[in-house]
PDB file of N, CA and C in Angstrom:
ATOM      1  N   UNK A   1      61.373  91.681  94.839  1.00  0.00           N
ATOM      2  CA  UNK A   1      62.041  92.910  95.230  1.00  0.00           C
ATOM      3  C   UNK A   1      63.132  93.220  94.202  1.00  0.00           C
ATOM      4  N   UNK A   2      63.177  94.451  93.765  1.00  0.00           N
ATOM      5  CA  UNK A   2      64.187  94.873  92.788  1.00  0.00           C
ATOM      6  C   UNK A   2      65.540  95.008  93.467  1.00  0.00           C
ATOM      7  N   UNK A   3      66.556  94.696  92.724  1.00  0.00           N
ATOM      8  CA  UNK A   3      67.914  94.871  93.235  1.00  0.00           C
ATOM      9  C   UNK A   3      68.294  96.340  93.169  1.00  0.00           C
ATOM     10  N   UNK A   4      69.053  96.783  94.149  1.00  0.00           N
ATOM     11  CA  UNK A   4      69.528  98.169  94.142  1.00  0.00           C
ATOM     12  C   UNK A   4      70.553  98.352  93.034  1.00  0.00           C
ATOM     13  N   UNK A   5      71.395  97.347  92.848  1.00  0.00           N
ATOM     14  CA  UNK A   5      72.440  97.413  91.834  1.00  0.00           C
ATOM     15  C   UNK A   5      72.129  96.382  90.762  1.00  0.00           C
ATOM     16  N   UNK A   6      71.840  96.836  89.552  1.00  0.00           N
ATOM     17  CA  UNK A   6      71.585  95.924  88.450  1.00  0.00           C
ATOM     18  C   UNK A   6      72.845  95.768  87.615  1.00  0.00           C
ATOM     19  N   UNK A   7      72.952  94.646  86.950  1.00  0.00           N
ATOM     20  CA  UNK A   7      74.113  94.412  86.101  1.00  0.00           C
ATOM     21  C   UNK A   7      75.184  93.649  86.843  1.00  0.00           C
ATOM     22  N   UNK A   8      76.406  93.809  86.393  1.00  0.00           N
ATOM     23  CA  UNK A   8      77.500  93.005  86.937  1.00  0.00           C
ATOM     24  C   UNK A   8      78.226  93.669  88.105  1.00  0.00           C
ATOM     25  N   UNK A   9      77.990  94.938  88.362  1.00  0.00           N
ATOM     26  CA  UNK A   9      78.683  95.624  89.452  1.00  0.00           C
ATOM     27  C   UNK A   9      77.998  95.303  90.775  1.00  0.00           C
ATOM     28  N   UNK A  10      78.798  94.858  91.751  1.00  0.00           N
ATOM     29  CA  UNK A  10      78.255  94.398  93.026  1.00  0.00           C
ATOM     30  C   UNK A  10      78.384  95.430  94.148  1.00  0.00           C
ATOM     31  N   UNK A  11      79.041  96.563  93.899  1.00  0.00           N
ATOM     32  CA  UNK A  11      79.148  97.612  94.916  1.00  0.00           C
ATOM     33  C   UNK A  11      79.351  98.961  94.237  1.00  0.00           C
ATOM     34  N   UNK A  12      79.235 100.004  95.018  1.00  0.00           N
ATOM     35  CA  UNK A  12      79.380 101.369  94.505  1.00  0.00           C
ATOM     36  C   UNK A  12      80.692 102.027  94.908  1.00  0.00           C
ATOM     37  N   UNK A  13      81.496 101.361  95.731  1.00  0.00           N
ATOM     38  CA  UNK A  13      82.681 102.023  96.294  1.00  0.00           C
ATOM     39  C   UNK A  13      84.002 101.576  95.686  1.00  0.00           C
ATOM     40  N   UNK A  14      83.973 100.582  94.821  1.00  0.00           N
ATOM     41  CA  UNK A  14      85.217  99.987  94.323  1.00  0.00           C
ATOM     42  C   UNK A  14      86.228 100.973  93.778  1.00  0.00           C
ATOM     43  N   UNK A  15      85.782 101.855  92.901  1.00  0.00           N
ATOM     44  CA  UNK A  15      86.710 102.815  92.294  1.00  0.00           C
ATOM     45  C   UNK A  15      87.310 103.751  93.338  1.00  0.00           C
ATOM     46  N   UNK A  16      86.462 104.257  94.240  1.00  0.00           N
ATOM     47  CA  UNK A  16      86.955 105.184  95.259  1.00  0.00           C
ATOM     48  C   UNK A  16      87.855 104.496  96.270  1.00  0.00           C
ATOM     49  N   UNK A  17      87.530 103.250  96.604  1.00  0.00           N
ATOM     50  CA  UNK A  17      88.388 102.512  97.525  1.00  0.00           C
ATOM     51  C   UNK A  17      89.792 102.369  96.947  1.00  0.00           C
ATOM     52  N   UNK A  18      89.865 101.997  95.700  1.00  0.00           N
ATOM     53  CA  UNK A  18      91.169 101.841  95.049  1.00  0.00           C
ATOM     54  C   UNK A  18      91.927 103.164  95.017  1.00  0.00           C
ATOM     55  N   UNK A  19      91.219 104.243  94.658  1.00  0.00           N
ATOM     56  CA  UNK A  19      91.846 105.562  94.590  1.00  0.00           C
ATOM     57  C   UNK A  19      92.379 105.988  95.962  1.00  0.00           C
ATOM     58  N   UNK A  20      91.563 105.845  96.994  1.00  0.00           N
ATOM     59  CA  UNK A  20      91.977 106.239  98.343  1.00  0.00           C
ATOM     60  C   UNK A  20      93.153 105.391  98.830  1.00  0.00           C
ATOM     61  N   UNK A  21      93.112 104.109  98.545  1.00  0.00           N
ATOM     62  CA  UNK A  21      94.212 103.220  98.950  1.00  0.00           C
ATOM     63  C   UNK A  21      95.506 103.621  98.248  1.00  0.00           C
ATOM     64  N   UNK A  22      95.429 103.845  96.953  1.00  0.00           N
ATOM     65  CA  UNK A  22      96.628 104.200  96.188  1.00  0.00           C
ATOM     66  C   UNK A  22      97.162 105.575  96.576  1.00  0.00           C
ATOM     67  N   UNK A  23      96.280 106.519  96.917  1.00  0.00           N
ATOM     68  CA  UNK A  23      96.729 107.845  97.359  1.00  0.00           C
ATOM     69  C   UNK A  23      97.611 107.744  98.608  1.00  0.00           C
ATOM     70  N   UNK A  24      97.360 106.724  99.416  1.00  0.00           N
ATOM     71  CA  UNK A  24      98.138 106.526 100.630  1.00  0.00           C
ATOM     72  C   UNK A  24      99.377 105.665 100.393  1.00  0.00           C
ATOM     73  N   UNK A  25      99.517 105.153  99.181  1.00  0.00           N
ATOM     74  CA  UNK A  25     100.653 104.307  98.854  1.00  0.00           C
ATOM     75  C   UNK A  25     100.562 102.917  99.477  1.00  0.00           C
ATOM     76  N   UNK A  26      99.345 102.492  99.787  1.00  0.00           N
ATOM     77  CA  UNK A  26      99.132 101.202 100.434  1.00  0.00           C
ATOM     78  C   UNK A  26      98.886 100.101  99.410  1.00  0.00           C
ATOM     79  N   UNK A  27      99.413  98.936  99.676  1.00  0.00           N
ATOM     80  CA  UNK A  27      99.072  97.747  98.887  1.00  0.00           C
ATOM     81  C   UNK A  27      97.738  97.210  99.395  1.00  0.00           C
ATOM     82  N   UNK A  28      97.151  96.318  98.629  1.00  0.00           N
ATOM     83  CA  UNK A  28      95.923  95.667  99.092  1.00  0.00           C
ATOM     84  C   UNK A  28      96.201  94.871 100.364  1.00  0.00           C
ATOM     85  N   UNK A  29      97.364  94.252 100.450  1.00  0.00           N
ATOM     86  CA  UNK A  29      97.708  93.483 101.639  1.00  0.00           C
ATOM     87  C   UNK A  29      97.843  94.382 102.863  1.00  0.00           C
ATOM     88  N   UNK A  30      98.446  95.546 102.687  1.00  0.00           N
ATOM     89  CA  UNK A  30      98.577  96.474 103.815  1.00  0.00           C
ATOM     90  C   UNK A  30      97.206  96.935 104.296  1.00  0.00           C
ATOM     91  N   UNK A  31      96.306  97.225 103.365  1.00  0.00           N
ATOM     92  CA  UNK A  31      94.946  97.605 103.747  1.00  0.00           C
ATOM     93  C   UNK A  31      94.285  96.470 104.528  1.00  0.00           C
ATOM     94  N   UNK A  32      94.432  95.255 104.059  1.00  0.00           N
ATOM     95  CA  UNK A  32      93.890  94.093 104.762  1.00  0.00           C
ATOM     96  C   UNK A  32      94.457  94.003 106.178  1.00  0.00           C
ATOM     97  N   UNK A  33      95.761  94.202 106.307  1.00  0.00           N
ATOM     98  CA  UNK A  33      96.413  94.145 107.620  1.00  0.00           C
ATOM     99  C   UNK A  33      95.880  95.237 108.550  1.00  0.00           C
ATOM    100  N   UNK A  34      95.689  96.447 108.015  1.00  0.00           N
ATOM    101  CA  UNK A  34      95.177  97.545 108.834  1.00  0.00           C
ATOM    102  C   UNK A  34      93.733  97.281 109.274  1.00  0.00           C
ATOM    103  N   UNK A  35      92.945  96.649 108.415  1.00  0.00           N
ATOM    104  CA  UNK A  35      91.574  96.320 108.781  1.00  0.00           C
ATOM    105  C   UNK A  35      91.533  95.337 109.947  1.00  0.00           C
ATOM    106  N   UNK A  36      92.490  94.429 109.983  1.00  0.00           N
ATOM    107  CA  UNK A  36      92.540  93.462 111.088  1.00  0.00           C
ATOM    108  C   UNK A  36      92.695  94.158 112.437  1.00  0.00           C
ATOM    109  N   UNK A  37      93.348  95.314 112.461  1.00  0.00           N
ATOM    110  CA  UNK A  37      93.552  96.025 113.731  1.00  0.00           C
ATOM    111  C   UNK A  37      92.250  96.588 114.290  1.00  0.00           C
ATOM    112  N   UNK A  38      91.214  96.691 113.450  1.00  0.00           N
ATOM    113  CA  UNK A  38      89.901  97.146 113.917  1.00  0.00           C
ATOM    114  C   UNK A  38      88.887  96.003 113.841  1.00  0.00           C
ATOM    115  N   UNK A  39      89.405  94.771 113.830  1.00  0.00           N
ATOM    116  CA  UNK A  39      88.576  93.556 113.851  1.00  0.00           C
ATOM    117  C   UNK A  39      87.647  93.431 112.652  1.00  0.00           C
ATOM    118  N   UNK A  40      88.120  93.887 111.491  1.00  0.00           N
ATOM    119  CA  UNK A  40      87.403  93.694 110.233  1.00  0.00           C
ATOM    120  C   UNK A  40      88.312  92.846 109.360  1.00  0.00           C
ATOM    121  N   UNK A  41      87.816  91.689 108.962  1.00  0.00           N
ATOM    122  CA  UNK A  41      88.669  90.727 108.269  1.00  0.00           C
ATOM    123  C   UNK A  41      88.259  90.618 106.803  1.00  0.00           C
ATOM    124  N   UNK A  42      89.041  91.284 105.959  1.00  0.00           N
ATOM    125  CA  UNK A  42      88.872  91.208 104.508  1.00  0.00           C
ATOM    126  C   UNK A  42      90.233  90.839 103.946  1.00  0.00           C
ATOM    127  N   UNK A  43      90.341  89.688 103.315  1.00  0.00           N
ATOM    128  CA  UNK A  43      91.634  89.262 102.776  1.00  0.00           C
ATOM    129  C   UNK A  43      92.003  90.095 101.544  1.00  0.00           C
ATOM    130  N   UNK A  44      93.256  90.028 101.153  1.00  0.00           N
ATOM    131  CA  UNK A  44      93.745  90.791 100.017  1.00  0.00           C
ATOM    132  C   UNK A  44      92.936  90.487  98.759  1.00  0.00           C
ATOM    133  N   UNK A  45      92.620  89.221  98.534  1.00  0.00           N
ATOM    134  CA  UNK A  45      91.848  88.853  97.350  1.00  0.00           C
ATOM    135  C   UNK A  45      90.457  89.458  97.346  1.00  0.00           C
ATOM    136  N   UNK A  46      89.847  89.542  98.514  1.00  0.00           N
ATOM    137  CA  UNK A  46      88.524  90.161  98.603  1.00  0.00           C
ATOM    138  C   UNK A  46      88.591  91.663  98.375  1.00  0.00           C
ATOM    139  N   UNK A  47      89.663  92.295  98.832  1.00  0.00           N
ATOM    140  CA  UNK A  47      89.843  93.719  98.545  1.00  0.00           C
ATOM    141  C   UNK A  47      89.948  93.931  97.039  1.00  0.00           C
ATOM    142  N   UNK A  48      90.665  93.065  96.365  1.00  0.00           N
ATOM    143  CA  UNK A  48      90.772  93.139  94.907  1.00  0.00           C
ATOM    144  C   UNK A  48      89.396  93.018  94.261  1.00  0.00           C
ATOM    145  N   UNK A  49      88.598  92.074  94.737  1.00  0.00           N
ATOM    146  CA  UNK A  49      87.259  91.888  94.169  1.00  0.00           C
ATOM    147  C   UNK A  49      86.339  93.071  94.473  1.00  0.00           C
ATOM    148  N   UNK A  50      86.507  93.687  95.653  1.00  0.00           N
ATOM    149  CA  UNK A  50      85.723  94.888  95.952  1.00  0.00           C
ATOM    150  C   UNK A  50      86.117  96.004  94.989  1.00  0.00           C
ATOM    151  N   UNK A  51      87.417  96.206  94.807  1.00  0.00           N
ATOM    152  CA  UNK A  51      87.878  97.263  93.898  1.00  0.00           C
ATOM    153  C   UNK A  51      87.440  97.014  92.467  1.00  0.00           C
ATOM    154  N   UNK A  52      87.299  95.753  92.083  1.00  0.00           N
ATOM    155  CA  UNK A  52      86.822  95.398  90.734  1.00  0.00           C
ATOM    156  C   UNK A  52      85.302  95.338  90.654  1.00  0.00           C
ATOM    157  N   UNK A  53      84.639  95.656  91.765  1.00  0.00           N
ATOM    158  CA  UNK A  53      83.173  95.653  91.868  1.00  0.00           C
ATOM    159  C   UNK A  53      82.575  94.266  91.658  1.00  0.00           C
ATOM    160  N   UNK A  54      83.322  93.238  92.024  1.00  0.00           N
ATOM    161  CA  UNK A  54      82.850  91.862  91.880  1.00  0.00           C
ATOM    162  C   UNK A  54      82.363  91.284  93.201  1.00  0.00           C
ATOM    163  N   UNK A  55      82.405  92.062  94.281  1.00  0.00           N
ATOM    164  CA  UNK A  55      82.024  91.586  95.613  1.00  0.00           C
ATOM    165  C   UNK A  55      81.247  92.675  96.332  1.00  0.00           C
ATOM    166  N   UNK A  56      80.221  92.257  97.053  1.00  0.00           N
ATOM    167  CA  UNK A  56      79.469  93.210  97.858  1.00  0.00           C
ATOM    168  C   UNK A  56      80.271  93.592  99.104  1.00  0.00           C
ATOM    169  N   UNK A  57      79.829  94.655  99.775  1.00  0.00           N
ATOM    170  CA  UNK A  57      80.498  95.153 100.975  1.00  0.00           C
ATOM    171  C   UNK A  57      79.441  95.293 102.071  1.00  0.00           C
ATOM    172  N   UNK A  58      79.728  94.748 103.249  1.00  0.00           N
ATOM    173  CA  UNK A  58      78.781  94.865 104.358  1.00  0.00           C
ATOM    174  C   UNK A  58      78.926  96.215 105.048  1.00  0.00           C
ATOM    175  N   UNK A  59      77.957  96.532 105.882  1.00  0.00           N
ATOM    176  CA  UNK A  59      78.024  97.792 106.623  1.00  0.00           C
ATOM    177  C   UNK A  59      79.212  97.808 107.581  1.00  0.00           C
ATOM    178  N   UNK A  60      79.519  96.682 108.191  1.00  0.00           N
ATOM    179  CA  UNK A  60      80.674  96.607 109.091  1.00  0.00           C
ATOM    180  C   UNK A  60      81.969  96.832 108.309  1.00  0.00           C
ATOM    181  N   UNK A  61      82.041  96.263 107.112  1.00  0.00           N
ATOM    182  CA  UNK A  61      83.228  96.457 106.275  1.00  0.00           C
ATOM    183  C   UNK A  61      83.358  97.910 105.841  1.00  0.00           C
ATOM    184  N   UNK A  62      82.235  98.565 105.499  1.00  0.00           N
ATOM    185  CA  UNK A  62      82.267  99.989 105.146  1.00  0.00           C
ATOM    186  C   UNK A  62      82.802 100.818 106.310  1.00  0.00           C
ATOM    187  N   UNK A  63      82.320 100.519 107.502  1.00  0.00           N
ATOM    188  CA  UNK A  63      82.777 101.233 108.688  1.00  0.00           C
ATOM    189  C   UNK A  63      84.281 101.044 108.885  1.00  0.00           C
ATOM    190  N   UNK A  64      84.751  99.808 108.765  1.00  0.00           N
ATOM    191  CA  UNK A  64      86.179  99.531 108.944  1.00  0.00           C
ATOM    192  C   UNK A  64      87.035 100.194 107.888  1.00  0.00           C
ATOM    193  N   UNK A  65      86.595 100.135 106.644  1.00  0.00           N
ATOM    194  CA  UNK A  65      87.358 100.756 105.558  1.00  0.00           C
ATOM    195  C   UNK A  65      87.478 102.259 105.782  1.00  0.00           C
ATOM    196  N   UNK A  66      86.365 102.903 106.107  1.00  0.00           N
ATOM    197  CA  UNK A  66      86.397 104.346 106.356  1.00  0.00           C
ATOM    198  C   UNK A  66      87.308 104.666 107.537  1.00  0.00           C
ATOM    199  N   UNK A  67      87.230 103.854 108.571  1.00  0.00           N
ATOM    200  CA  UNK A  67      88.025 104.084 109.777  1.00  0.00           C
ATOM    201  C   UNK A  67      89.524 104.022 109.489  1.00  0.00           C
ATOM    202  N   UNK A  68      89.977 102.958 108.842  1.00  0.00           N
ATOM    203  CA  UNK A  68      91.422 102.823 108.616  1.00  0.00           C
ATOM    204  C   UNK A  68      91.931 103.793 107.562  1.00  0.00           C
ATOM    205  N   UNK A  69      91.066 104.178 106.628  1.00  0.00           N
ATOM    206  CA  UNK A  69      91.480 105.147 105.607  1.00  0.00           C
ATOM    207  C   UNK A  69      91.394 106.583 106.117  1.00  0.00           C
ATOM    208  N   UNK A  70      90.742 106.780 107.253  1.00  0.00           N
ATOM    209  CA  UNK A  70      90.604 108.118 107.817  1.00  0.00           C
ATOM    210  C   UNK A  70      89.667 109.024 107.043  1.00  0.00           C
ATOM    211  N   UNK A  71      88.602 108.429 106.501  1.00  0.00           N
ATOM    212  CA  UNK A  71      87.611 109.189 105.739  1.00  0.00           C
ATOM    213  C   UNK A  71      86.234 108.872 106.286  1.00  0.00           C
ATOM    214  N   UNK A  72      85.241 109.629 105.868  1.00  0.00           N
ATOM    215  CA  UNK A  72      83.866 109.308 106.248  1.00  0.00           C
ATOM    216  C   UNK A  72      83.343 108.223 105.318  1.00  0.00           C
ATOM    217  N   UNK A  73      82.319 107.529 105.768  1.00  0.00           N
ATOM    218  CA  UNK A  73      81.712 106.498 104.925  1.00  0.00           C
ATOM    219  C   UNK A  73      81.227 107.116 103.615  1.00  0.00           C
ATOM    220  N   UNK A  74      80.671 108.302 103.690  1.00  0.00           N
ATOM    221  CA  UNK A  74      80.167 108.941 102.464  1.00  0.00           C
ATOM    222  C   UNK A  74      81.305 109.222 101.472  1.00  0.00           C
ATOM    223  N   UNK A  75      82.516 109.448 101.972  1.00  0.00           N
ATOM    224  CA  UNK A  75      83.651 109.665 101.075  1.00  0.00           C
ATOM    225  C   UNK A  75      83.927 108.448 100.213  1.00  0.00           C
ATOM    226  N   UNK A  76      83.587 107.260 100.696  1.00  0.00           N
ATOM    227  CA  UNK A  76      83.812 106.048  99.905  1.00  0.00           C
ATOM    228  C   UNK A  76      82.876 106.001  98.690  1.00  0.00           C
ATOM    229  N   UNK A  77      81.787 106.735  98.750  1.00  0.00           N
ATOM    230  CA  UNK A  77      80.806 106.734  97.663  1.00  0.00           C
ATOM    231  C   UNK A  77      81.009 107.870  96.661  1.00  0.00           C
ATOM    232  N   UNK A  78      81.896 108.812  96.943  1.00  0.00           N
ATOM    233  CA  UNK A  78      82.076 109.977  96.050  1.00  0.00           C
ATOM    234  C   UNK A  78      83.017 109.680  94.913  1.00  0.00           C
TER     235      UNK A  78
END
């Protein structure tokens, strides 16, 4: 089976996640803390790796990220 993402990038949302987080003036730790309130556990280091496209993102994590950022899931991909 072919991989959806070839090369070294492990996700498609890293750049947008970082942009959306910074637009809100949030640190990676604050984003991690807000995710905990919706029972999604991503540590600060993992958020860094997602933003650097070094870590994959699950569907539950996508849902949580969109929820706490107040955007649609599709907005994370734009």
